[in-house]
Protein backbone atom coordinates (compact mmCIF):
# COMPACT_ATOMS: atom_id res chain seq x y z
CA MET A 1 2.39 4.90 32.46
CA ALA A 2 3.81 1.83 30.74
CA GLU A 3 7.56 1.48 30.86
CA SER A 4 9.24 2.32 27.56
CA ASN A 5 11.15 -0.40 25.76
CA TYR A 6 13.05 2.20 23.73
CA SER A 7 16.61 1.62 24.91
CA GLN A 8 19.78 3.71 24.72
CA ALA A 9 21.15 1.16 22.23
CA GLN A 10 18.15 1.70 19.96
CA GLU A 11 18.67 5.45 20.20
CA LEU A 12 22.30 5.05 19.14
CA ASP A 13 21.29 2.77 16.25
CA GLU A 14 18.70 5.31 15.16
CA ARG A 15 21.25 8.13 15.32
CA ALA A 16 23.75 6.09 13.28
CA TRP A 17 21.07 5.33 10.66
CA TRP A 18 20.20 9.02 10.30
CA ASN A 19 23.84 10.07 10.16
CA GLN A 20 24.33 7.62 7.27
CA PHE A 21 21.06 7.96 5.36
CA GLY A 22 19.61 11.24 6.63
CA PRO A 23 20.75 13.35 3.66
CA LEU A 24 19.10 10.93 1.20
CA ASN A 25 15.91 10.78 3.22
CA GLU A 26 15.72 14.55 3.43
CA GLU A 27 16.41 14.93 -0.28
CA VAL A 28 13.41 12.73 -1.02
CA TRP A 29 11.21 14.00 1.80
CA GLN A 30 11.43 17.71 0.97
CA TYR A 31 10.27 17.18 -2.64
CA ASN A 32 10.74 19.51 -5.56
CA PRO A 33 8.56 22.66 -5.69
CA TYR A 34 5.94 21.06 -7.94
CA LEU A 35 5.46 17.88 -5.88
CA SER A 36 5.48 19.87 -2.65
CA GLN A 37 2.73 22.14 -3.97
CA VAL A 38 0.57 19.21 -5.08
CA VAL A 39 0.99 16.92 -2.09
CA ARG A 40 1.88 19.16 0.85
CA SER A 41 0.52 22.66 0.37
CA GLU A 42 -2.75 22.04 2.25
CA TYR A 43 -1.34 20.46 5.39
CA LEU A 44 1.62 22.87 5.56
CA SER A 45 -0.83 25.76 5.33
CA GLU A 46 -2.89 24.24 8.15
CA MET A 47 0.22 23.69 10.26
CA GLU A 48 1.52 27.22 9.76
CA SER A 49 -1.85 28.84 10.46
CA PHE A 50 -2.23 26.81 13.66
CA LEU A 51 1.29 27.44 14.99
CA PHE A 52 2.14 30.95 13.84
CA LYS A 53 2.41 33.64 16.50
CA ALA A 54 3.97 36.95 15.59
CA GLY A 55 7.28 37.27 17.43
CA GLY A 56 6.68 33.92 19.17
CA ARG A 57 9.16 31.17 20.06
CA LEU A 58 9.04 27.95 18.04
CA LEU A 59 10.69 24.60 18.83
CA ASP A 60 11.20 22.02 16.05
CA ILE A 61 11.78 18.60 17.67
CA GLY A 62 13.56 16.17 15.33
CA CYS A 63 14.16 19.04 12.94
CA GLY A 64 16.24 17.17 10.34
CA HIS A 65 17.48 19.73 7.82
CA GLY A 66 15.20 22.31 9.42
CA TRP A 67 13.08 23.00 6.36
CA VAL A 68 9.72 22.79 8.17
CA GLY A 69 10.57 25.14 11.01
CA LEU A 70 12.35 27.55 8.68
CA ARG A 71 9.02 28.23 6.95
CA LEU A 72 7.79 29.90 10.16
CA ALA A 73 11.17 31.46 10.97
CA LYS A 74 10.92 33.32 7.65
CA ARG A 75 7.68 34.82 8.96
CA GLY A 76 9.45 36.15 12.04
CA MET A 77 9.20 33.44 14.69
CA GLN A 78 12.27 32.67 16.80
CA LEU A 79 13.20 29.08 15.86
CA ASP A 80 15.09 26.52 17.95
CA GLY A 81 15.65 23.21 16.17
CA ILE A 82 16.99 20.02 17.76
CA ASP A 83 17.84 16.60 16.36
CA LEU A 84 19.83 13.54 17.49
CA SER A 85 21.77 13.36 14.21
CA ASP A 86 24.97 15.39 13.89
CA ALA A 87 24.75 15.19 10.10
CA GLN A 88 21.22 16.58 10.10
CA ILE A 89 22.14 19.48 12.39
CA GLU A 90 25.18 20.33 10.29
CA GLU A 91 23.01 20.58 7.18
CA ALA A 92 20.36 22.61 9.00
CA ARG A 93 23.02 25.10 10.10
CA ARG A 94 24.39 25.32 6.57
CA ARG A 95 20.94 26.13 5.20
CA THR A 96 20.38 28.71 7.91
CA ALA A 97 23.66 30.41 7.03
CA GLU A 98 22.58 30.55 3.39
CA SER A 99 19.22 32.07 4.33
CA GLY A 100 20.81 34.74 6.52
CA LEU A 101 18.07 34.42 9.15
CA PRO A 102 19.25 35.79 12.52
CA ASN A 103 16.39 34.28 14.53
CA VAL A 104 17.35 30.59 14.18
CA ARG A 105 19.40 28.12 16.27
CA PHE A 106 20.04 24.43 15.63
CA TRP A 107 21.85 22.02 17.92
CA ARG A 108 22.02 18.29 18.65
CA ALA A 109 19.84 17.41 21.63
CA ASP A 110 17.10 15.16 22.97
CA ALA A 111 13.88 17.00 23.83
CA ARG A 112 13.88 15.25 27.22
CA THR A 113 17.06 17.11 28.20
CA LEU A 114 15.71 20.60 27.49
CA ASP A 115 15.15 22.95 30.41
CA ALA A 116 11.41 23.26 31.07
CA GLN A 117 12.04 26.94 31.83
CA ALA A 118 12.72 27.44 28.11
CA GLN A 119 9.07 27.93 27.24
CA TYR A 120 7.77 27.91 23.66
CA ASP A 121 4.63 29.29 22.07
CA SER A 122 4.62 26.60 19.38
CA ILE A 123 6.20 23.18 18.82
CA ILE A 124 6.56 21.14 15.61
CA VAL A 125 7.09 17.39 15.63
CA HIS A 126 7.34 16.39 11.98
CA ALA A 127 7.49 12.62 11.34
CA LEU A 128 9.37 11.73 14.54
CA VAL A 129 6.85 10.18 16.95
CA HIS A 130 6.52 6.98 14.90
CA HIS A 131 10.17 6.17 15.62
CA LEU A 132 9.30 5.61 19.32
CA ASP A 133 7.35 2.97 21.21
CA LEU A 134 4.03 3.97 22.77
CA ALA A 135 5.40 4.73 26.22
CA ALA A 136 8.12 6.94 24.73
CA GLN A 137 5.51 8.64 22.53
CA VAL A 138 3.40 9.50 25.58
CA GLY A 139 6.55 10.65 27.34
CA LEU A 140 7.26 12.98 24.45
CA LEU A 141 3.76 14.47 24.76
CA GLU A 142 4.48 15.09 28.45
CA THR A 143 7.74 16.83 27.51
CA ILE A 144 5.90 18.93 24.93
CA THR A 145 3.34 19.93 27.56
CA ASP A 146 6.12 21.01 29.94
CA LEU A 147 7.82 23.08 27.23
CA LEU A 148 4.67 24.87 26.01
CA THR A 149 3.44 28.14 27.43
CA ASP A 150 -0.16 28.20 28.65
CA GLY A 151 -2.25 28.33 25.50
CA GLY A 152 0.75 27.16 23.45
CA ARG A 153 0.25 24.87 20.48
CA ALA A 154 1.91 21.79 19.01
CA TYR A 155 1.44 20.17 15.61
CA LEU A 156 2.41 16.54 14.97
CA TYR A 157 2.58 15.12 11.45
CA GLU A 158 2.75 11.33 11.61
CA PRO A 159 1.79 8.10 9.82
CA VAL A 160 -1.16 6.32 11.40
CA ALA A 161 -1.62 2.55 11.86
CA PRO A 162 -4.69 0.84 10.34
CA ALA A 163 -7.77 0.12 12.43
CA PRO A 164 -9.06 -3.47 12.65
CA ASP A 165 -12.01 -4.95 10.76
CA PRO A 166 -11.81 -2.97 7.50
CA PRO A 167 -14.83 -2.93 5.16
CA LEU A 168 -14.41 -4.99 1.99
CA PRO A 169 -14.11 -1.98 -0.41
CA ALA A 170 -11.23 -0.62 1.69
CA VAL A 171 -9.49 -4.01 1.66
CA LEU A 172 -9.79 -4.32 -2.11
CA PHE A 173 -8.63 -0.78 -2.75
CA ASP A 174 -5.70 -1.21 -0.39
CA LYS A 175 -4.58 -4.47 -2.02
CA ALA A 176 -5.00 -3.14 -5.55
CA LEU A 177 -3.01 0.05 -5.03
CA GLY A 178 -0.49 -1.68 -2.78
CA GLY A 179 0.21 -4.22 -5.54
CA PHE A 180 0.39 -1.45 -8.12
CA PHE A 181 3.04 0.41 -6.13
CA LYS A 182 5.13 -2.72 -5.63
CA GLY A 183 5.10 -3.29 -9.38
CA LEU A 184 5.84 0.35 -10.12
CA THR A 185 8.81 0.35 -7.74
CA LEU A 186 10.22 -2.86 -9.23
CA PHE A 187 9.83 -1.43 -12.73
CA ALA A 188 11.66 1.78 -11.77
CA ARG A 189 14.56 -0.16 -10.26
CA SER A 190 14.87 -2.72 -13.08
CA SER A 191 14.57 -0.17 -15.89
CA GLY A 192 17.46 1.96 -14.61
CA ILE A 193 15.48 5.18 -14.17
CA VAL A 194 16.27 5.38 -10.44
CA ALA A 195 19.09 7.88 -9.82
CA PRO A 196 22.48 6.19 -9.15
CA ARG A 197 22.88 7.57 -5.60
CA PHE A 198 19.54 6.05 -4.59
CA ARG A 199 20.28 2.74 -6.29
CA ALA A 200 23.59 2.54 -4.42
CA ALA A 201 21.85 3.30 -1.11
CA GLN A 202 19.20 0.66 -1.80
CA ARG A 203 21.95 -1.91 -2.33
CA SER A 204 23.25 -0.90 1.12
CA GLY A 205 19.88 -1.66 2.66
CA TRP A 206 18.28 1.79 2.57
CA THR A 207 14.47 1.72 2.23
CA MET A 208 13.61 5.23 3.56
CA ARG A 209 12.58 3.58 6.84
CA SER A 210 14.82 2.94 9.82
CA SER A 211 14.47 -0.29 11.78
CA ASP A 212 12.44 1.35 14.58
CA GLU A 213 9.78 3.00 12.43
CA ALA A 214 6.13 1.96 12.62
CA PRO A 215 2.89 3.93 12.18
CA ILE A 216 1.44 5.27 15.42
CA ASP A 217 -1.60 3.93 17.26
CA LEU A 218 -3.38 7.27 17.31
CA GLU A 219 -6.18 6.28 19.68
CA ASN A 220 -3.85 4.97 22.37
CA LEU A 221 -1.41 7.84 21.94
CA LEU A 222 -4.10 10.48 22.47
CA ALA A 223 -5.65 8.52 25.33
CA GLY A 224 -2.30 8.67 27.15
CA ARG A 225 -1.66 12.37 26.66
CA PRO A 226 -1.52 14.75 29.65
CA ASN A 227 -4.90 16.15 30.70
CA SER A 228 -3.72 19.68 30.09
CA LEU A 229 -3.05 18.95 26.41
CA ARG A 230 -6.23 19.40 24.39
CA VAL A 231 -6.76 17.82 20.96
CA ALA A 232 -7.73 20.71 18.69
CA GLY A 233 -8.13 18.51 15.62
CA VAL A 234 -6.86 15.51 13.65
CA THR A 235 -6.81 15.61 9.85
CA THR A 236 -5.60 12.82 7.59
CA TRP A 237 -3.94 14.35 4.55
CA GLN A 238 -2.25 11.77 2.34
CA ALA A 239 -1.73 8.06 1.73
CA TYR A 240 -0.77 6.99 -1.78
CA SER A 241 0.21 10.46 -2.99
CA ILE A 242 3.07 10.46 -0.46
CA MET A 243 4.25 7.05 -1.71
CA TYR A 244 4.14 8.25 -5.31
CA ALA A 245 5.94 11.52 -4.59
CA ASN A 246 8.68 9.63 -2.72
CA LEU A 247 9.18 7.35 -5.72
CA CYS A 248 9.28 10.30 -8.12
CA MET A 249 12.04 11.98 -6.10
CA MET A 250 14.29 8.94 -6.54
CA LEU A 251 14.14 9.05 -10.35
CA ARG A 252 16.64 10.47 -12.78
CA GLN A 253 15.77 13.61 -14.69
CA PRO A 254 13.73 14.02 -16.86
CA TRP A 255 11.84 10.97 -15.50
CA GLN A 256 11.27 12.73 -12.19
CA ARG A 257 9.67 15.70 -13.94
CA TRP A 258 7.53 13.57 -16.29
CA ALA A 259 6.37 11.13 -13.61
CA GLY A 260 5.60 13.99 -11.26
CA ARG A 261 2.84 15.19 -13.55
CA LEU A 262 0.75 12.23 -12.40
CA ALA A 263 0.98 13.27 -8.73
CA PRO A 264 -2.36 15.18 -8.80
CA MET A 265 -4.09 11.93 -9.82
CA PHE A 266 -2.79 10.16 -6.72
CA TYR A 267 -3.74 13.11 -4.54
CA ARG A 268 -7.28 12.79 -5.93
CA PHE A 269 -7.16 9.08 -5.07
CA ASP A 270 -6.40 10.11 -1.50
CA ARG A 271 -9.36 12.51 -1.45
CA PHE A 272 -11.59 9.69 -2.71
CA ILE A 273 -10.35 7.42 0.10
CA LEU A 274 -10.68 10.10 2.77
CA GLU A 275 -14.24 10.97 1.78
CA ARG A 276 -15.20 7.35 2.43
CA SER A 277 -13.15 7.08 5.64
CA TRP A 278 -11.19 4.14 4.18
CA HIS A 279 -7.92 5.78 5.21
CA ARG A 280 -8.46 4.39 8.73
CA TYR A 281 -7.84 0.86 7.44
CA LEU A 282 -4.97 1.32 5.00
CA ARG A 283 -1.55 -0.29 5.37
CA ALA A 284 -0.07 2.56 3.31
CA TRP A 285 0.81 4.63 6.40
CA PRO A 286 -1.65 7.52 5.86
CA MET A 287 -0.19 10.80 7.12
CA ALA A 288 -2.20 12.78 9.68
CA GLY A 289 -1.82 16.26 11.15
CA ILE A 290 -2.52 16.28 14.89
CA ALA A 291 -3.18 19.73 16.37
CA LEU A 292 -2.72 20.04 20.15
CA GLU A 293 -3.14 22.98 22.52
CA LYS A 294 -2.07 23.40 26.13
CA ARG A 295 -4.93 24.65 28.24
CA SER A 296 -4.39 27.77 30.28
CA LYS A 297 -4.28 27.04 33.99
CA GLY A 298 -7.67 26.92 35.65
CA LEU A 299 -9.61 26.20 32.46
CA PRO A 300 -11.62 22.95 32.44
CA GLY A 301 -11.99 20.74 29.39
CA LYS A 302 -11.67 17.27 28.05
């Protein structure tokens, strides 16, 4: 395995970034009910169907405010959530207290420090892997394999890097919509319809992306996974609809509500792109769901 370049200093910088900007990121990233239904309902349904096990144990690595794992905890799974950010864990605990769920624990930890004896039936990694370099990503897959029971399942939701040599239609579409979003973002900022708390954060350097983020190289990541971790499926879900929903969440009301009504159009754009396989070449960080399963001992497979 290649040696990871992800240093302790980078980890501390990442933790500091999330302690400062995590609440804003989570406020955007969770979406309002309408945007969540339009943009996320299909992949969240796939994730829950793949991971759910009645009475099973679920680990949410990089849980943030805990909203993803809590969806399955409400269906009866025992949820453990870990994150490096104290601020994120504090908010996750507050939300758990409000929900009254007895089957949930959140604490600050690195997945690498967890006891491998604490086996889980299911593991969620929601938009975390792309904060690591490739060697650290493969190391995380090894940790996930150690923590899963035989037959256990993991679901990763991550942005994917573009493949080389894109066809001309994909290049043109990517440039056209990329330019459109740059103009739309500049218009929103200059016209004063961005909510004050987000404008203030932007002046402080916040862009919704920490310094270590980059889309994952999916092919190399999966090639480096442990042999006992089977790829059950990879589905690309969104590209431009995620960008549009993020922008909508930064707007003042009623602009957020009005602009949000166009979200289905951008989700249809994504379906158009996916049907033509252009998503593999986009610089827009298309989001993919990666379903993994740990083989039971003694079972062959690729």
